[in-house]
Amino acid sequence: MTPEQLRSAIADSVAAAVGAGELPPEARGGPPGGVPLRPAEVRPTGADADWVSPVAIRWAPSLRLSPRGVATVLAERLCGRPDVDAVAVVGDGLLALTLSDAARSSIVPAILAAPDRYAAGGLGYVRVPDEPAGSRPPGDPVRRVQLSHARLCRLLRNAAAAGVLLRGGERVEELALESERRLLVALADQPERLARHACDDQELLRAVADLAARADGWTHPLRPARLGEPVLAVHGARVALATAARIVLRNGLARLGASAPERM
């Protein structure tokens, strides 16, 4: 589920709440400036969630309502949606949203369907020629991203050797472990994060490096541990996730003018 899709879900909840008299008629147009969203872990929220939004805190004064009251109305409406597992109201009115496994993981087929466009910038993915070995020092943050990309390529090669291939139709809703959830949210957030900093090379690098660190923190197996063990649905789902993460890192490296080696 992309941030834009989540904003649309919140807008639907606002319209339903206005129709039921739970929010005043002037709320029908939605909050000025839209609905801000960020991955939940950017700041402590006091709740285990995928995304957080301060929309109620920012919007409530113009509605002459309390932020927590607005957040509670939205939370109750959002909880009735099949793509939302839970919504908590944190502190003075911060919304903390947890998506269903299916909704959260739907970002993977979206990336696989547009590998040269997703988080690739306006011109799309343009391959950067391979760099000479050793051209970047060990502490170079771009090199760390390249290492992360090469690690994912290695995992995918090893999975393919064990017969776990990307075939389409993978049950990506199996991706429900904590590090998988965080990686999925980071992938969904990446296009907007890069767009916010399109003219700031340092922030672009930070965004790509943060995603690489998130991918490096995901260490669950893409294939059976031993010969003769069956390939499970989750193995195929993880191959799909690794492929999606590799694509987004490759596109990010290209935006930085760096190559994406498959072996390092």
C-alpha atoms as a PDB file:
ATOM      1  CA  MET A   1       0.000   0.000   0.000  1.00  0.00           C
ATOM      2  CA  THR A   2       1.484   3.314  -1.064  1.00  0.00           C
ATOM      3  CA  PRO A   3       1.264   6.493   1.029  1.00  0.00           C
ATOM      4  CA  GLU A   4      -1.092   7.923  -1.582  1.00  0.00           C
ATOM      5  CA  GLN A   5      -3.431   4.946  -1.218  1.00  0.00           C
ATOM      6  CA  LEU A   6      -3.347   5.367   2.554  1.00  0.00           C
ATOM      7  CA  ARG A   7      -4.171   9.056   2.198  1.00  0.00           C
ATOM      8  CA  SER A   8      -7.114   8.075   0.024  1.00  0.00           C
ATOM      9  CA  ALA A   9      -8.304   5.699   2.753  1.00  0.00           C
ATOM     10  CA  ILE A  10      -8.116   8.511   5.297  1.00  0.00           C
ATOM     11  CA  ALA A  11     -10.020  10.826   2.938  1.00  0.00           C
ATOM     12  CA  ASP A  12     -12.752   8.190   2.592  1.00  0.00           C
ATOM     13  CA  SER A  13     -12.916   7.950   6.376  1.00  0.00           C
ATOM     14  CA  VAL A  14     -13.257  11.727   6.651  1.00  0.00           C
ATOM     15  CA  ALA A  15     -16.133  11.734   4.142  1.00  0.00           C
ATOM     16  CA  ALA A  16     -17.901   8.921   6.005  1.00  0.00           C
ATOM     17  CA  ALA A  17     -17.457  10.706   9.332  1.00  0.00           C
ATOM     18  CA  VAL A  18     -18.860  13.964   7.923  1.00  0.00           C
ATOM     19  CA  GLY A  19     -21.822  12.063   6.465  1.00  0.00           C
ATOM     20  CA  ALA A  20     -22.546  10.514   9.869  1.00  0.00           C
ATOM     21  CA  GLY A  21     -22.257  13.840  11.675  1.00  0.00           C
ATOM     22  CA  GLU A  22     -19.094  12.785  13.521  1.00  0.00           C
ATOM     23  CA  LEU A  23     -17.121  15.650  11.970  1.00  0.00           C
ATOM     24  CA  PRO A  24     -18.485  19.097  11.003  1.00  0.00           C
ATOM     25  CA  PRO A  25     -19.471  19.815   7.388  1.00  0.00           C
ATOM     26  CA  GLU A  26     -16.395  22.015   6.843  1.00  0.00           C
ATOM     27  CA  ALA A  27     -14.233  18.898   7.239  1.00  0.00           C
ATOM     28  CA  ARG A  28     -15.611  17.478   3.990  1.00  0.00           C
ATOM     29  CA  GLY A  29     -12.830  19.000   1.894  1.00  0.00           C
ATOM     30  CA  GLY A  30     -10.158  17.337   3.984  1.00  0.00           C
ATOM     31  CA  PRO A  31      -7.255  18.906   5.856  1.00  0.00           C
ATOM     32  CA  PRO A  32      -5.462  21.874   4.250  1.00  0.00           C
ATOM     33  CA  GLY A  33      -2.257  20.694   2.665  1.00  0.00           C
ATOM     34  CA  GLY A  34      -3.284  17.032   2.632  1.00  0.00           C
ATOM     35  CA  VAL A  35      -2.471  14.231   5.045  1.00  0.00           C
ATOM     36  CA  PRO A  36       1.143  14.051   6.280  1.00  0.00           C
ATOM     37  CA  LEU A  37       2.506  10.512   6.730  1.00  0.00           C
ATOM     38  CA  ARG A  38       5.807   9.058   7.812  1.00  0.00           C
ATOM     39  CA  PRO A  39       7.054   5.582   8.694  1.00  0.00           C
ATOM     40  CA  ALA A  40       6.212   4.918  12.322  1.00  0.00           C
ATOM     41  CA  GLU A  41       9.749   4.327  13.454  1.00  0.00           C
ATOM     42  CA  VAL A  42      11.062   7.740  12.420  1.00  0.00           C
ATOM     43  CA  ARG A  43      10.131   8.951  15.905  1.00  0.00           C
ATOM     44  CA  PRO A  44       8.973   7.017  18.978  1.00  0.00           C
ATOM     45  CA  THR A  45       5.197   6.676  18.841  1.00  0.00           C
ATOM     46  CA  GLY A  46       4.410   4.610  21.894  1.00  0.00           C
ATOM     47  CA  ALA A  47       2.675   2.121  19.600  1.00  0.00           C
ATOM     48  CA  ASP A  48       3.772  -0.646  17.255  1.00  0.00           C
ATOM     49  CA  ALA A  49       2.599   0.595  13.866  1.00  0.00           C
ATOM     50  CA  ASP A  50       3.576   0.958  10.213  1.00  0.00           C
ATOM     51  CA  TRP A  51       2.761   4.621   9.635  1.00  0.00           C
ATOM     52  CA  VAL A  52       2.024   7.660  11.778  1.00  0.00           C
ATOM     53  CA  SER A  53       0.187  10.839  10.873  1.00  0.00           C
ATOM     54  CA  PRO A  54      -0.159  14.132  12.788  1.00  0.00           C
ATOM     55  CA  VAL A  55      -3.117  15.098  10.585  1.00  0.00           C
ATOM     56  CA  ALA A  56      -5.532  15.461  13.515  1.00  0.00           C
ATOM     57  CA  ILE A  57      -3.083  17.602  15.502  1.00  0.00           C
ATOM     58  CA  ARG A  58      -2.614  19.991  12.583  1.00  0.00           C
ATOM     59  CA  TRP A  59      -6.219  20.025  11.440  1.00  0.00           C
ATOM     60  CA  ALA A  60      -8.228  20.137  14.682  1.00  0.00           C
ATOM     61  CA  PRO A  61      -7.744  23.847  15.532  1.00  0.00           C
ATOM     62  CA  SER A  62      -9.337  24.966  12.263  1.00  0.00           C
ATOM     63  CA  LEU A  63     -12.282  22.640  12.990  1.00  0.00           C
ATOM     64  CA  ARG A  64     -12.547  23.981  16.547  1.00  0.00           C
ATOM     65  CA  LEU A  65     -12.212  20.457  17.913  1.00  0.00           C
ATOM     66  CA  SER A  66      -9.640  18.703  20.071  1.00  0.00           C
ATOM     67  CA  PRO A  67      -6.874  16.879  18.172  1.00  0.00           C
ATOM     68  CA  ARG A  68      -7.494  13.712  20.129  1.00  0.00           C
ATOM     69  CA  GLY A  69     -11.219  13.894  19.347  1.00  0.00           C
ATOM     70  CA  VAL A  70     -10.569  14.204  15.604  1.00  0.00           C
ATOM     71  CA  ALA A  71      -7.998  11.406  15.755  1.00  0.00           C
ATOM     72  CA  THR A  72     -10.427   9.134  17.612  1.00  0.00           C
ATOM     73  CA  VAL A  73     -13.126   9.640  14.958  1.00  0.00           C
ATOM     74  CA  LEU A  74     -10.674   8.854  12.162  1.00  0.00           C
ATOM     75  CA  ALA A  75      -9.286   5.850  14.011  1.00  0.00           C
ATOM     76  CA  GLU A  76     -12.730   4.330  14.492  1.00  0.00           C
ATOM     77  CA  ARG A  77     -13.546   4.789  10.819  1.00  0.00           C
ATOM     78  CA  LEU A  78     -10.211   3.411   9.602  1.00  0.00           C
ATOM     79  CA  CYS A  79     -10.481   0.340  11.820  1.00  0.00           C
ATOM     80  CA  GLY A  80     -13.480  -0.792   9.784  1.00  0.00           C
ATOM     81  CA  ARG A  81     -11.420  -1.119   6.620  1.00  0.00           C
ATOM     82  CA  PRO A  82     -10.124  -4.547   5.508  1.00  0.00           C
ATOM     83  CA  ASP A  83      -6.713  -3.090   4.575  1.00  0.00           C
ATOM     84  CA  VAL A  84      -6.143  -1.704   8.089  1.00  0.00           C
ATOM     85  CA  ASP A  85      -5.452  -4.010  11.017  1.00  0.00           C
ATOM     86  CA  ALA A  86      -5.287  -1.449  13.810  1.00  0.00           C
ATOM     87  CA  VAL A  87      -5.208   2.273  14.523  1.00  0.00           C
ATOM     88  CA  ALA A  88      -4.066   3.758  17.810  1.00  0.00           C
ATOM     89  CA  VAL A  89      -4.354   7.355  18.979  1.00  0.00           C
ATOM     90  CA  VAL A  90      -1.049   8.267  20.608  1.00  0.00           C
ATOM     91  CA  GLY A  91      -0.379  11.239  22.865  1.00  0.00           C
ATOM     92  CA  ASP A  92      -2.259  14.386  21.918  1.00  0.00           C
ATOM     93  CA  GLY A  93      -3.723  12.951  18.731  1.00  0.00           C
ATOM     94  CA  LEU A  94      -1.069  11.227  16.642  1.00  0.00           C
ATOM     95  CA  LEU A  95      -2.567   8.479  14.486  1.00  0.00           C
ATOM     96  CA  ALA A  96      -0.528   5.248  14.470  1.00  0.00           C
ATOM     97  CA  LEU A  97      -1.696   2.934  11.680  1.00  0.00           C
ATOM     98  CA  THR A  98      -0.971  -0.752  11.210  1.00  0.00           C
ATOM     99  CA  LEU A  99      -1.900  -2.146   7.807  1.00  0.00           C
ATOM    100  CA  SER A 100      -3.034  -5.668   7.061  1.00  0.00           C
ATOM    101  CA  ASP A 101      -0.267  -7.990   5.884  1.00  0.00           C
ATOM    102  CA  ALA A 102      -1.806  -8.094   2.399  1.00  0.00           C
ATOM    103  CA  ALA A 103      -2.076  -4.299   2.126  1.00  0.00           C
ATOM    104  CA  ARG A 104       1.437  -3.676   3.419  1.00  0.00           C
ATOM    105  CA  SER A 105       3.056  -6.238   1.140  1.00  0.00           C
ATOM    106  CA  SER A 106       1.174  -5.098  -1.970  1.00  0.00           C
ATOM    107  CA  ILE A 107       4.038  -2.665  -2.559  1.00  0.00           C
ATOM    108  CA  VAL A 108       6.146  -5.606  -3.766  1.00  0.00           C
ATOM    109  CA  PRO A 109       4.127  -6.434  -6.922  1.00  0.00           C
ATOM    110  CA  ALA A 110       3.804  -2.691  -7.565  1.00  0.00           C
ATOM    111  CA  ILE A 111       7.601  -2.393  -7.691  1.00  0.00           C
ATOM    112  CA  LEU A 112       8.006  -5.548  -9.771  1.00  0.00           C
ATOM    113  CA  ALA A 113       5.456  -4.233 -12.280  1.00  0.00           C
ATOM    114  CA  ALA A 114       7.433  -0.999 -12.849  1.00  0.00           C
ATOM    115  CA  PRO A 115      11.102  -1.803 -12.186  1.00  0.00           C
ATOM    116  CA  ASP A 116      12.505   1.028 -14.314  1.00  0.00           C
ATOM    117  CA  ARG A 117      10.131   3.668 -12.944  1.00  0.00           C
ATOM    118  CA  TYR A 118       9.629   3.002  -9.257  1.00  0.00           C
ATOM    119  CA  ALA A 119      11.634   5.532  -7.199  1.00  0.00           C
ATOM    120  CA  ALA A 120      13.767   6.156 -10.292  1.00  0.00           C
ATOM    121  CA  GLY A 121      13.083   9.857 -10.874  1.00  0.00           C
ATOM    122  CA  GLY A 122      11.459  11.583 -13.806  1.00  0.00           C
ATOM    123  CA  LEU A 123      13.678  10.043 -16.476  1.00  0.00           C
ATOM    124  CA  GLY A 124      13.326   6.509 -15.160  1.00  0.00           C
ATOM    125  CA  TYR A 125      16.204   4.127 -14.591  1.00  0.00           C
ATOM    126  CA  VAL A 126      19.306   4.803 -16.666  1.00  0.00           C
ATOM    127  CA  ARG A 127      22.092   2.302 -16.189  1.00  0.00           C
ATOM    128  CA  VAL A 128      25.380   3.691 -14.895  1.00  0.00           C
ATOM    129  CA  PRO A 129      28.522   1.964 -16.252  1.00  0.00           C
ATOM    130  CA  ASP A 130      30.334  -0.293 -13.821  1.00  0.00           C
ATOM    131  CA  GLU A 131      32.971   1.395 -11.708  1.00  0.00           C
ATOM    132  CA  PRO A 132      36.539   0.060 -11.472  1.00  0.00           C
ATOM    133  CA  ALA A 133      37.033  -2.258  -8.502  1.00  0.00           C
ATOM    134  CA  GLY A 134      38.337  -0.384  -5.476  1.00  0.00           C
ATOM    135  CA  SER A 135      37.393   3.032  -6.826  1.00  0.00           C
ATOM    136  CA  ARG A 136      35.478   3.848  -3.623  1.00  0.00           C
ATOM    137  CA  PRO A 137      37.065   3.661  -0.154  1.00  0.00           C
ATOM    138  CA  PRO A 138      35.578   1.296   2.465  1.00  0.00           C
ATOM    139  CA  GLY A 139      33.902   4.112   4.402  1.00  0.00           C
ATOM    140  CA  ASP A 140      32.153   5.633   1.386  1.00  0.00           C
ATOM    141  CA  PRO A 141      28.366   5.577   2.051  1.00  0.00           C
ATOM    142  CA  VAL A 142      27.698   4.906  -1.642  1.00  0.00           C
ATOM    143  CA  ARG A 143      29.924   1.842  -1.431  1.00  0.00           C
ATOM    144  CA  ARG A 144      27.870   0.577   1.518  1.00  0.00           C
ATOM    145  CA  VAL A 145      24.734   0.874  -0.620  1.00  0.00           C
ATOM    146  CA  GLN A 146      26.505  -0.990  -3.429  1.00  0.00           C
ATOM    147  CA  LEU A 147      27.460  -3.734  -0.970  1.00  0.00           C
ATOM    148  CA  SER A 148      23.840  -3.991   0.140  1.00  0.00           C
ATOM    149  CA  HIS A 149      22.720  -4.308  -3.482  1.00  0.00           C
ATOM    150  CA  ALA A 150      25.366  -6.977  -4.146  1.00  0.00           C
ATOM    151  CA  ARG A 151      24.281  -8.876  -1.018  1.00  0.00           C
ATOM    152  CA  LEU A 152      20.693  -9.037  -2.268  1.00  0.00           C
ATOM    153  CA  CYS A 153      21.938 -10.260  -5.654  1.00  0.00           C
ATOM    154  CA  ARG A 154      23.923 -12.998  -3.907  1.00  0.00           C
ATOM    155  CA  LEU A 155      20.909 -14.070  -1.862  1.00  0.00           C
ATOM    156  CA  LEU A 156      18.823 -14.247  -5.033  1.00  0.00           C
ATOM    157  CA  ARG A 157      21.471 -16.316  -6.834  1.00  0.00           C
ATOM    158  CA  ASN A 158      21.639 -18.740  -3.915  1.00  0.00           C
ATOM    159  CA  ALA A 159      17.858 -18.998  -3.797  1.00  0.00           C
ATOM    160  CA  ALA A 160      17.710 -19.703  -7.531  1.00  0.00           C
ATOM    161  CA  ALA A 161      20.320 -22.438  -7.122  1.00  0.00           C
ATOM    162  CA  ALA A 162      18.012 -24.053  -4.557  1.00  0.00           C
ATOM    163  CA  GLY A 163      15.047 -23.809  -6.944  1.00  0.00           C
ATOM    164  CA  VAL A 164      13.354 -20.779  -5.392  1.00  0.00           C
ATOM    165  CA  LEU A 165      12.604 -18.538  -8.359  1.00  0.00           C
ATOM    166  CA  LEU A 166      10.466 -15.483  -8.975  1.00  0.00           C
ATOM    167  CA  ARG A 167       7.494 -16.912 -10.848  1.00  0.00           C
ATOM    168  CA  GLY A 168       4.751 -14.355 -10.264  1.00  0.00           C
ATOM    169  CA  GLY A 169       1.790 -14.763  -7.976  1.00  0.00           C
ATOM    170  CA  GLU A 170       3.965 -15.096  -4.846  1.00  0.00           C
ATOM    171  CA  ARG A 171       2.034 -14.964  -1.579  1.00  0.00           C
ATOM    172  CA  VAL A 172       3.632 -11.750  -0.387  1.00  0.00           C
ATOM    173  CA  GLU A 173       1.132 -11.524   2.475  1.00  0.00           C
ATOM    174  CA  GLU A 174       3.419 -14.088   4.155  1.00  0.00           C
ATOM    175  CA  LEU A 175       5.881 -11.230   4.793  1.00  0.00           C
ATOM    176  CA  ALA A 176       4.789 -10.448   8.329  1.00  0.00           C
ATOM    177  CA  LEU A 177       7.951 -10.534  10.459  1.00  0.00           C
ATOM    178  CA  GLU A 178       9.097  -7.290  12.064  1.00  0.00           C
ATOM    179  CA  SER A 179      12.107  -6.661   9.803  1.00  0.00           C
ATOM    180  CA  GLU A 180       9.993  -7.510   6.748  1.00  0.00           C
ATOM    181  CA  ARG A 181       7.298  -5.070   7.819  1.00  0.00           C
ATOM    182  CA  ARG A 182       9.845  -2.291   8.282  1.00  0.00           C
ATOM    183  CA  LEU A 183      11.471  -2.972   4.934  1.00  0.00           C
ATOM    184  CA  LEU A 184       8.097  -2.981   3.172  1.00  0.00           C
ATOM    185  CA  VAL A 185       7.163   0.375   4.698  1.00  0.00           C
ATOM    186  CA  ALA A 186      10.561   1.826   3.774  1.00  0.00           C
ATOM    187  CA  LEU A 187      10.099   0.675   0.171  1.00  0.00           C
ATOM    188  CA  ALA A 188       6.636   2.243   0.055  1.00  0.00           C
ATOM    189  CA  ASP A 189       7.961   5.519   1.462  1.00  0.00           C
ATOM    190  CA  GLN A 190      11.016   5.763  -0.796  1.00  0.00           C
ATOM    191  CA  PRO A 191       9.491   7.515  -3.857  1.00  0.00           C
ATOM    192  CA  GLU A 192       8.028  10.335  -1.761  1.00  0.00           C
ATOM    193  CA  ARG A 193      11.150  10.647   0.356  1.00  0.00           C
ATOM    194  CA  LEU A 194      13.339  10.943  -2.735  1.00  0.00           C
ATOM    195  CA  ALA A 195      10.921  13.406  -4.338  1.00  0.00           C
ATOM    196  CA  ARG A 196      11.069  15.653  -1.256  1.00  0.00           C
ATOM    197  CA  HIS A 197      14.854  15.870  -1.584  1.00  0.00           C
ATOM    198  CA  ALA A 198      15.237  15.741  -5.366  1.00  0.00           C
ATOM    199  CA  CYS A 199      17.537  18.787  -5.368  1.00  0.00           C
ATOM    200  CA  ASP A 200      19.583  17.851  -2.309  1.00  0.00           C
ATOM    201  CA  ASP A 201      22.275  15.292  -3.074  1.00  0.00           C
ATOM    202  CA  GLN A 202      23.125  14.713   0.590  1.00  0.00           C
ATOM    203  CA  GLU A 203      19.518  13.971   1.512  1.00  0.00           C
ATOM    204  CA  LEU A 204      19.143  11.735  -1.540  1.00  0.00           C
ATOM    205  CA  LEU A 205      22.175   9.765  -0.423  1.00  0.00           C
ATOM    206  CA  ARG A 206      20.846   9.575   3.119  1.00  0.00           C
ATOM    207  CA  ALA A 207      17.510   8.225   1.882  1.00  0.00           C
ATOM    208  CA  VAL A 208      19.150   5.543  -0.264  1.00  0.00           C
ATOM    209  CA  ALA A 209      21.620   4.647   2.494  1.00  0.00           C
ATOM    210  CA  ASP A 210      18.794   4.329   5.035  1.00  0.00           C
ATOM    211  CA  LEU A 211      16.974   1.919   2.740  1.00  0.00           C
ATOM    212  CA  ALA A 212      20.174  -0.092   2.300  1.00  0.00           C
ATOM    213  CA  ALA A 213      20.560  -0.314   6.071  1.00  0.00           C
ATOM    214  CA  ARG A 214      16.968  -1.492   6.353  1.00  0.00           C
ATOM    215  CA  ALA A 215      17.617  -4.167   3.716  1.00  0.00           C
ATOM    216  CA  ASP A 216      20.793  -5.255   5.516  1.00  0.00           C
ATOM    217  CA  GLY A 217      18.783  -5.671   8.703  1.00  0.00           C
ATOM    218  CA  TRP A 218      16.510  -8.183   6.968  1.00  0.00           C
ATOM    219  CA  THR A 219      18.230 -11.551   7.292  1.00  0.00           C
ATOM    220  CA  HIS A 220      15.490 -14.177   6.997  1.00  0.00           C
ATOM    221  CA  PRO A 221      16.224 -17.119   4.654  1.00  0.00           C
ATOM    222  CA  LEU A 222      15.097 -17.079   1.035  1.00  0.00           C
ATOM    223  CA  ARG A 223      15.499 -20.838   0.646  1.00  0.00           C
ATOM    224  CA  PRO A 224      15.253 -24.043   2.708  1.00  0.00           C
ATOM    225  CA  ALA A 225      18.059 -24.463   5.223  1.00  0.00           C
ATOM    226  CA  ARG A 226      18.883 -28.041   4.151  1.00  0.00           C
ATOM    227  CA  LEU A 227      18.785 -30.127   1.005  1.00  0.00           C
ATOM    228  CA  GLY A 228      15.559 -32.068   0.712  1.00  0.00           C
ATOM    229  CA  GLU A 229      13.503 -29.636   2.786  1.00  0.00           C
ATOM    230  CA  PRO A 230      10.435 -28.304   0.971  1.00  0.00           C
ATOM    231  CA  VAL A 231      10.292 -24.847  -0.542  1.00  0.00           C
ATOM    232  CA  LEU A 232       7.645 -22.894   1.372  1.00  0.00           C
ATOM    233  CA  ALA A 233       5.406 -20.088   0.204  1.00  0.00           C
ATOM    234  CA  VAL A 234       7.328 -17.671   2.420  1.00  0.00           C
ATOM    235  CA  HIS A 235      10.542 -18.452   0.526  1.00  0.00           C
ATOM    236  CA  GLY A 236       8.957 -17.301  -2.729  1.00  0.00           C
ATOM    237  CA  ALA A 237       7.572 -14.226  -0.993  1.00  0.00           C
ATOM    238  CA  ARG A 238      11.036 -13.363   0.310  1.00  0.00           C
ATOM    239  CA  VAL A 239      12.546 -13.778  -3.145  1.00  0.00           C
ATOM    240  CA  ALA A 240       9.964 -11.274  -4.383  1.00  0.00           C
ATOM    241  CA  LEU A 241      10.819  -8.885  -1.537  1.00  0.00           C
ATOM    242  CA  ALA A 242      14.573  -9.211  -2.142  1.00  0.00           C
ATOM    243  CA  THR A 243      14.024  -8.548  -5.837  1.00  0.00           C
ATOM    244  CA  ALA A 244      11.940  -5.458  -5.084  1.00  0.00           C
ATOM    245  CA  ALA A 245      14.526  -4.121  -2.626  1.00  0.00           C
ATOM    246  CA  ARG A 246      17.318  -4.759  -5.120  1.00  0.00           C
ATOM    247  CA  ILE A 247      15.424  -2.821  -7.807  1.00  0.00           C
ATOM    248  CA  VAL A 248      14.847   0.192  -5.554  1.00  0.00           C
ATOM    249  CA  LEU A 249      18.490   0.240  -4.414  1.00  0.00           C
ATOM    250  CA  ARG A 250      19.629  -0.025  -8.042  1.00  0.00           C
ATOM    251  CA  ASN A 251      17.383   2.884  -9.021  1.00  0.00           C
ATOM    252  CA  GLY A 252      18.604   4.906  -6.045  1.00  0.00           C
ATOM    253  CA  LEU A 253      22.234   4.294  -6.936  1.00  0.00           C
ATOM    254  CA  ALA A 254      21.542   5.385 -10.511  1.00  0.00           C
ATOM    255  CA  ARG A 255      20.044   8.638  -9.227  1.00  0.00           C
ATOM    256  CA  LEU A 256      23.286   9.156  -7.317  1.00  0.00           C
ATOM    257  CA  GLY A 257      25.308   8.509 -10.480  1.00  0.00           C
ATOM    258  CA  ALA A 258      26.685   5.254  -9.101  1.00  0.00           C
ATOM    259  CA  SER A 259      26.694   1.754 -10.547  1.00  0.00           C
ATOM    260  CA  ALA A 260      24.889  -1.184  -8.952  1.00  0.00           C
ATOM    261  CA  PRO A 261      27.327  -4.127  -9.019  1.00  0.00           C
ATOM    262  CA  GLU A 262      25.940  -7.618  -8.595  1.00  0.00           C
ATOM    263  CA  ARG A 263      29.157  -8.922  -7.023  1.00  0.00           C
ATOM    264  CA  MET A 264      31.605  -7.181  -4.720  1.00  0.00           C
END
